[in-house]
Amino acid sequence: MGKMVFNRWEESEMSIFWIEGKRLFVQSGMEKMVIEPWGDNALRVRCTREADFPAHNGALLPAA
């Protein structure tokens, strides 16, 4: 699936939404958020102000 981009303006700050594979990304200013499936009945939500998300899973168990 290709990359889809959506823009939303709110009080002079733009939020950008895009999809990569099964993950939904949102960027607003310097903040990024990703929502992705995690197992059969769960979602994983991560937020960062860094350039990229950390590669490790943190405290999560492997996806079922």
PDB file of N, CA and C in Angstrom:
ATOM      1  N   MET A   1       0.853  -1.177   0.000  1.00  0.00           N
ATOM      2  CA  MET A   1       0.000   0.000   0.000  1.00  0.00           C
ATOM      3  C   MET A   1       0.893   1.231   0.000  1.00  0.00           C
ATOM      4  N   GLY A   2       0.551   2.237  -0.777  1.00  0.00           N
ATOM      5  CA  GLY A   2       1.315   3.468  -0.834  1.00  0.00           C
ATOM      6  C   GLY A   2       1.103   4.326   0.388  1.00  0.00           C
ATOM      7  N   LYS A   3       1.868   5.368   0.465  1.00  0.00           N
ATOM      8  CA  LYS A   3       1.788   6.294   1.590  1.00  0.00           C
ATOM      9  C   LYS A   3       0.651   7.279   1.345  1.00  0.00           C
ATOM     10  N   MET A   4      -0.264   7.378   2.315  1.00  0.00           N
ATOM     11  CA  MET A   4      -1.375   8.322   2.217  1.00  0.00           C
ATOM     12  C   MET A   4      -1.128   9.437   3.232  1.00  0.00           C
ATOM     13  N   VAL A   5      -1.320  10.665   2.828  1.00  0.00           N
ATOM     14  CA  VAL A   5      -1.053  11.805   3.702  1.00  0.00           C
ATOM     15  C   VAL A   5      -2.310  12.646   3.826  1.00  0.00           C
ATOM     16  N   PHE A   6      -2.634  13.037   5.055  1.00  0.00           N
ATOM     17  CA  PHE A   6      -3.768  13.908   5.336  1.00  0.00           C
ATOM     18  C   PHE A   6      -3.255  15.073   6.165  1.00  0.00           C
ATOM     19  N   ASN A   7      -3.704  16.258   5.888  1.00  0.00           N
ATOM     20  CA  ASN A   7      -3.301  17.438   6.650  1.00  0.00           C
ATOM     21  C   ASN A   7      -4.508  18.013   7.377  1.00  0.00           C
ATOM     22  N   ARG A   8      -4.264  18.521   8.590  1.00  0.00           N
ATOM     23  CA  ARG A   8      -5.334  19.135   9.366  1.00  0.00           C
ATOM     24  C   ARG A   8      -4.757  20.386  10.021  1.00  0.00           C
ATOM     25  N   TRP A   9      -5.445  21.508   9.878  1.00  0.00           N
ATOM     26  CA  TRP A   9      -4.995  22.766  10.473  1.00  0.00           C
ATOM     27  C   TRP A   9      -5.771  23.018  11.752  1.00  0.00           C
ATOM     28  N   GLU A  10      -5.074  23.420  12.789  1.00  0.00           N
ATOM     29  CA  GLU A  10      -5.736  23.727  14.052  1.00  0.00           C
ATOM     30  C   GLU A  10      -4.963  24.839  14.741  1.00  0.00           C
ATOM     31  N   GLU A  11      -5.564  25.991  14.877  1.00  0.00           N
ATOM     32  CA  GLU A  11      -4.950  27.129  15.547  1.00  0.00           C
ATOM     33  C   GLU A  11      -3.526  27.371  15.067  1.00  0.00           C
ATOM     34  N   SER A  12      -3.349  27.461  13.761  1.00  0.00           N
ATOM     35  CA  SER A  12      -2.090  27.755  13.076  1.00  0.00           C
ATOM     36  C   SER A  12      -1.022  26.687  13.264  1.00  0.00           C
ATOM     37  N   GLU A  13      -1.380  25.499  13.743  1.00  0.00           N
ATOM     38  CA  GLU A  13      -0.427  24.393  13.791  1.00  0.00           C
ATOM     39  C   GLU A  13      -0.987  23.254  12.954  1.00  0.00           C
ATOM     40  N   MET A  14      -0.168  22.704  12.080  1.00  0.00           N
ATOM     41  CA  MET A  14      -0.633  21.677  11.169  1.00  0.00           C
ATOM     42  C   MET A  14      -0.297  20.296  11.720  1.00  0.00           C
ATOM     43  N   SER A  15      -1.245  19.383  11.646  1.00  0.00           N
ATOM     44  CA  SER A  15      -1.016  17.977  11.961  1.00  0.00           C
ATOM     45  C   SER A  15      -0.997  17.212  10.649  1.00  0.00           C
ATOM     46  N   ILE A  16      -0.048  16.309  10.512  1.00  0.00           N
ATOM     47  CA  ILE A  16       0.071  15.498   9.307  1.00  0.00           C
ATOM     48  C   ILE A  16      -0.190  14.053   9.682  1.00  0.00           C
ATOM     49  N   PHE A  17      -1.048  13.392   8.929  1.00  0.00           N
ATOM     50  CA  PHE A  17      -1.390  11.989   9.147  1.00  0.00           C
ATOM     51  C   PHE A  17      -0.915  11.200   7.936  1.00  0.00           C
ATOM     52  N   TRP A  18      -0.318  10.023   8.146  1.00  0.00           N
ATOM     53  CA  TRP A  18       0.027   9.156   7.034  1.00  0.00           C
ATOM     54  C   TRP A  18       0.024   7.698   7.485  1.00  0.00           C
ATOM     55  N   ILE A  19      -0.127   6.810   6.511  1.00  0.00           N
ATOM     56  CA  ILE A  19      -0.205   5.378   6.774  1.00  0.00           C
ATOM     57  C   ILE A  19       0.964   4.700   6.079  1.00  0.00           C
ATOM     58  N   GLU A  20       1.655   3.842   6.839  1.00  0.00           N
ATOM     59  CA  GLU A  20       2.709   3.000   6.284  1.00  0.00           C
ATOM     60  C   GLU A  20       2.400   1.568   6.711  1.00  0.00           C
ATOM     61  N   GLY A  21       2.065   0.730   5.748  1.00  0.00           N
ATOM     62  CA  GLY A  21       1.677  -0.645   6.078  1.00  0.00           C
ATOM     63  C   GLY A  21       0.426  -0.631   6.937  1.00  0.00           C
ATOM     64  N   LYS A  22       0.519  -1.204   8.141  1.00  0.00           N
ATOM     65  CA  LYS A  22      -0.617  -1.249   9.060  1.00  0.00           C
ATOM     66  C   LYS A  22      -0.501  -0.205  10.159  1.00  0.00           C
ATOM     67  N   ARG A  23       0.404   0.754  10.017  1.00  0.00           N
ATOM     68  CA  ARG A  23       0.626   1.753  11.065  1.00  0.00           C
ATOM     69  C   ARG A  23       0.122   3.133  10.632  1.00  0.00           C
ATOM     70  N   LEU A  24      -0.549   3.817  11.556  1.00  0.00           N
ATOM     71  CA  LEU A  24      -1.019   5.187  11.352  1.00  0.00           C
ATOM     72  C   LEU A  24      -0.073   6.121  12.096  1.00  0.00           C
ATOM     73  N   PHE A  25       0.493   7.087  11.389  1.00  0.00           N
ATOM     74  CA  PHE A  25       1.393   8.067  11.970  1.00  0.00           C
ATOM     75  C   PHE A  25       0.713   9.429  12.026  1.00  0.00           C
ATOM     76  N   VAL A  26       1.012  10.191  13.072  1.00  0.00           N
ATOM     77  CA  VAL A  26       0.535  11.567  13.216  1.00  0.00           C
ATOM     78  C   VAL A  26       1.726  12.399  13.649  1.00  0.00           C
ATOM     79  N   GLN A  27       1.923  13.532  12.990  1.00  0.00           N
ATOM     80  CA  GLN A  27       2.978  14.451  13.402  1.00  0.00           C
ATOM     81  C   GLN A  27       2.392  15.836  13.549  1.00  0.00           C
ATOM     82  N   SER A  28       2.684  16.449  14.691  1.00  0.00           N
ATOM     83  CA  SER A  28       2.233  17.804  14.974  1.00  0.00           C
ATOM     84  C   SER A  28       3.405  18.535  15.609  1.00  0.00           C
ATOM     85  N   GLY A  29       3.944  19.492  14.890  1.00  0.00           N
ATOM     86  CA  GLY A  29       5.136  20.173  15.390  1.00  0.00           C
ATOM     87  C   GLY A  29       6.271  19.175  15.504  1.00  0.00           C
ATOM     88  N   MET A  30       6.892  19.111  16.689  1.00  0.00           N
ATOM     89  CA  MET A  30       8.002  18.188  16.900  1.00  0.00           C
ATOM     90  C   MET A  30       7.550  16.851  17.480  1.00  0.00           C
ATOM     91  N   GLU A  31       6.267  16.667  17.696  1.00  0.00           N
ATOM     92  CA  GLU A  31       5.763  15.434  18.288  1.00  0.00           C
ATOM     93  C   GLU A  31       5.291  14.468  17.209  1.00  0.00           C
ATOM     94  N   LYS A  32       5.647  13.193  17.375  1.00  0.00           N
ATOM     95  CA  LYS A  32       5.185  12.138  16.481  1.00  0.00           C
ATOM     96  C   LYS A  32       4.462  11.091  17.300  1.00  0.00           C
ATOM     97  N   MET A  33       3.430  10.498  16.697  1.00  0.00           N
ATOM     98  CA  MET A  33       2.700   9.409  17.323  1.00  0.00           C
ATOM     99  C   MET A  33       2.469   8.333  16.272  1.00  0.00           C
ATOM    100  N   VAL A  34       2.551   7.077  16.684  1.00  0.00           N
ATOM    101  CA  VAL A  34       2.237   5.958  15.798  1.00  0.00           C
ATOM    102  C   VAL A  34       1.270   5.034  16.527  1.00  0.00           C
ATOM    103  N   ILE A  35       0.248   4.580  15.796  1.00  0.00           N
ATOM    104  CA  ILE A  35      -0.722   3.608  16.303  1.00  0.00           C
ATOM    105  C   ILE A  35      -0.616   2.399  15.388  1.00  0.00           C
ATOM    106  N   GLU A  36      -0.400   1.218  16.015  1.00  0.00           N
ATOM    107  CA  GLU A  36      -0.211   0.014  15.218  1.00  0.00           C
ATOM    108  C   GLU A  36      -0.879  -1.178  15.897  1.00  0.00           C
ATOM    109  N   PRO A  37      -1.281  -2.188  15.107  1.00  0.00           N
ATOM    110  CA  PRO A  37      -1.859  -3.381  15.713  1.00  0.00           C
ATOM    111  C   PRO A  37      -0.798  -4.095  16.546  1.00  0.00           C
ATOM    112  N   TRP A  38      -1.226  -4.687  17.666  1.00  0.00           N
ATOM    113  CA  TRP A  38      -0.312  -5.427  18.538  1.00  0.00           C
ATOM    114  C   TRP A  38      -1.031  -6.699  18.970  1.00  0.00           C
ATOM    115  N   GLY A  39      -0.810  -7.768  18.241  1.00  0.00           N
ATOM    116  CA  GLY A  39      -1.524  -9.013  18.506  1.00  0.00           C
ATOM    117  C   GLY A  39      -2.897  -8.983  17.866  1.00  0.00           C
ATOM    118  N   ASP A  40      -3.752  -9.888  18.331  1.00  0.00           N
ATOM    119  CA  ASP A  40      -5.082 -10.020  17.722  1.00  0.00           C
ATOM    120  C   ASP A  40      -6.074  -8.947  18.158  1.00  0.00           C
ATOM    121  N   ASN A  41      -6.023  -8.515  19.419  1.00  0.00           N
ATOM    122  CA  ASN A  41      -7.053  -7.631  19.959  1.00  0.00           C
ATOM    123  C   ASN A  41      -6.485  -6.427  20.681  1.00  0.00           C
ATOM    124  N   ALA A  42      -5.404  -5.879  20.192  1.00  0.00           N
ATOM    125  CA  ALA A  42      -4.778  -4.763  20.902  1.00  0.00           C
ATOM    126  C   ALA A  42      -4.161  -3.778  19.918  1.00  0.00           C
ATOM    127  N   LEU A  43      -3.958  -2.569  20.403  1.00  0.00           N
ATOM    128  CA  LEU A  43      -3.251  -1.533  19.661  1.00  0.00           C
ATOM    129  C   LEU A  43      -2.059  -1.078  20.489  1.00  0.00           C
ATOM    130  N   ARG A  44      -1.009  -0.702  19.817  1.00  0.00           N
ATOM    131  CA  ARG A  44       0.164  -0.127  20.476  1.00  0.00           C
ATOM    132  C   ARG A  44       0.239   1.329  20.053  1.00  0.00           C
ATOM    133  N   VAL A  45       0.359   2.220  21.026  1.00  0.00           N
ATOM    134  CA  VAL A  45       0.456   3.660  20.758  1.00  0.00           C
ATOM    135  C   VAL A  45       1.779   4.143  21.321  1.00  0.00           C
ATOM    136  N   ARG A  46       2.581   4.767  20.479  1.00  0.00           N
ATOM    137  CA  ARG A  46       3.868   5.315  20.922  1.00  0.00           C
ATOM    138  C   ARG A  46       3.952   6.780  20.508  1.00  0.00           C
ATOM    139  N   CYS A  47       4.572   7.591  21.354  1.00  0.00           N
ATOM    140  CA  CYS A  47       4.769   9.013  21.079  1.00  0.00           C
ATOM    141  C   CYS A  47       6.230   9.361  21.351  1.00  0.00           C
ATOM    142  N   THR A  48       6.751  10.321  20.599  1.00  0.00           N
ATOM    143  CA  THR A  48       8.124  10.753  20.798  1.00  0.00           C
ATOM    144  C   THR A  48       8.302  12.174  20.281  1.00  0.00           C
ATOM    145  N   ARG A  49       9.341  12.823  20.777  1.00  0.00           N
ATOM    146  CA  ARG A  49       9.793  14.100  20.235  1.00  0.00           C
ATOM    147  C   ARG A  49      11.151  13.940  19.565  1.00  0.00           C
ATOM    148  N   GLU A  50      11.633  12.702  19.504  1.00  0.00           N
ATOM    149  CA  GLU A  50      12.901  12.390  18.846  1.00  0.00           C
ATOM    150  C   GLU A  50      12.677  12.273  17.334  1.00  0.00           C
ATOM    151  N   ALA A  51      13.760  12.147  16.583  1.00  0.00           N
ATOM    152  CA  ALA A  51      13.650  12.027  15.129  1.00  0.00           C
ATOM    153  C   ALA A  51      12.992  10.711  14.719  1.00  0.00           C
ATOM    154  N   ASP A  52      13.273   9.634  15.454  1.00  0.00           N
ATOM    155  CA  ASP A  52      12.697   8.322  15.174  1.00  0.00           C
ATOM    156  C   ASP A  52      12.251   7.664  16.469  1.00  0.00           C
ATOM    157  N   PHE A  53      11.434   6.645  16.337  1.00  0.00           N
ATOM    158  CA  PHE A  53      10.997   5.881  17.495  1.00  0.00           C
ATOM    159  C   PHE A  53      12.107   4.910  17.887  1.00  0.00           C
ATOM    160  N   PRO A  54      12.277   4.637  19.183  1.00  0.00           N
ATOM    161  CA  PRO A  54      13.286   3.657  19.598  1.00  0.00           C
ATOM    162  C   PRO A  54      12.984   2.280  18.995  1.00  0.00           C
ATOM    163  N   ALA A  55      14.021   1.521  18.700  1.00  0.00           N
ATOM    164  CA  ALA A  55      13.853   0.209  18.077  1.00  0.00           C
ATOM    165  C   ALA A  55      13.383  -0.841  19.080  1.00  0.00           C
ATOM    166  N   HIS A  56      13.631  -0.645  20.357  1.00  0.00           N
ATOM    167  CA  HIS A  56      13.254  -1.649  21.354  1.00  0.00           C
ATOM    168  C   HIS A  56      11.758  -1.548  21.678  1.00  0.00           C
ATOM    169  N   ASN A  57      11.223  -2.613  22.251  1.00  0.00           N
ATOM    170  CA  ASN A  57       9.794  -2.686  22.559  1.00  0.00           C
ATOM    171  C   ASN A  57       9.459  -2.158  23.946  1.00  0.00           C
ATOM    172  N   GLY A  58      10.428  -1.677  24.683  1.00  0.00           N
ATOM    173  CA  GLY A  58      10.161  -1.184  26.023  1.00  0.00           C
ATOM    174  C   GLY A  58       9.695  -2.314  26.924  1.00  0.00           C
ATOM    175  N   ALA A  59       8.629  -2.087  27.663  1.00  0.00           N
ATOM    176  CA  ALA A  59       8.136  -3.085  28.613  1.00  0.00           C
ATOM    177  C   ALA A  59       7.120  -4.036  27.999  1.00  0.00           C
ATOM    178  N   LEU A  60       6.848  -3.920  26.710  1.00  0.00           N
ATOM    179  CA  LEU A  60       5.846  -4.782  26.088  1.00  0.00           C
ATOM    180  C   LEU A  60       6.352  -6.198  25.882  1.00  0.00           C
ATOM    181  N   LEU A  61       5.451  -7.145  26.015  1.00  0.00           N
ATOM    182  CA  LEU A  61       5.745  -8.516  25.643  1.00  0.00           C
ATOM    183  C   LEU A  61       5.646  -8.624  24.135  1.00  0.00           C
ATOM    184  N   PRO A  62       6.270  -9.624  23.541  1.00  0.00           N
ATOM    185  CA  PRO A  62       6.135  -9.788  22.077  1.00  0.00           C
ATOM    186  C   PRO A  62       4.665  -9.924  21.681  1.00  0.00           C
ATOM    187  N   ALA A  63       4.344  -9.405  20.512  1.00  0.00           N
ATOM    188  CA  ALA A  63       2.958  -9.510  20.015  1.00  0.00           C
ATOM    189  C   ALA A  63       2.579 -10.968  19.858  1.00  0.00           C
ATOM    190  N   ALA A  64       1.349 -11.286  20.224  1.00  0.00           N
ATOM    191  CA  ALA A  64       0.885 -12.687  20.160  1.00  0.00           C
ATOM    192  C   ALA A  64       0.676 -13.105  18.728  1.00  0.00           C
TER     193      ALA A  64
END
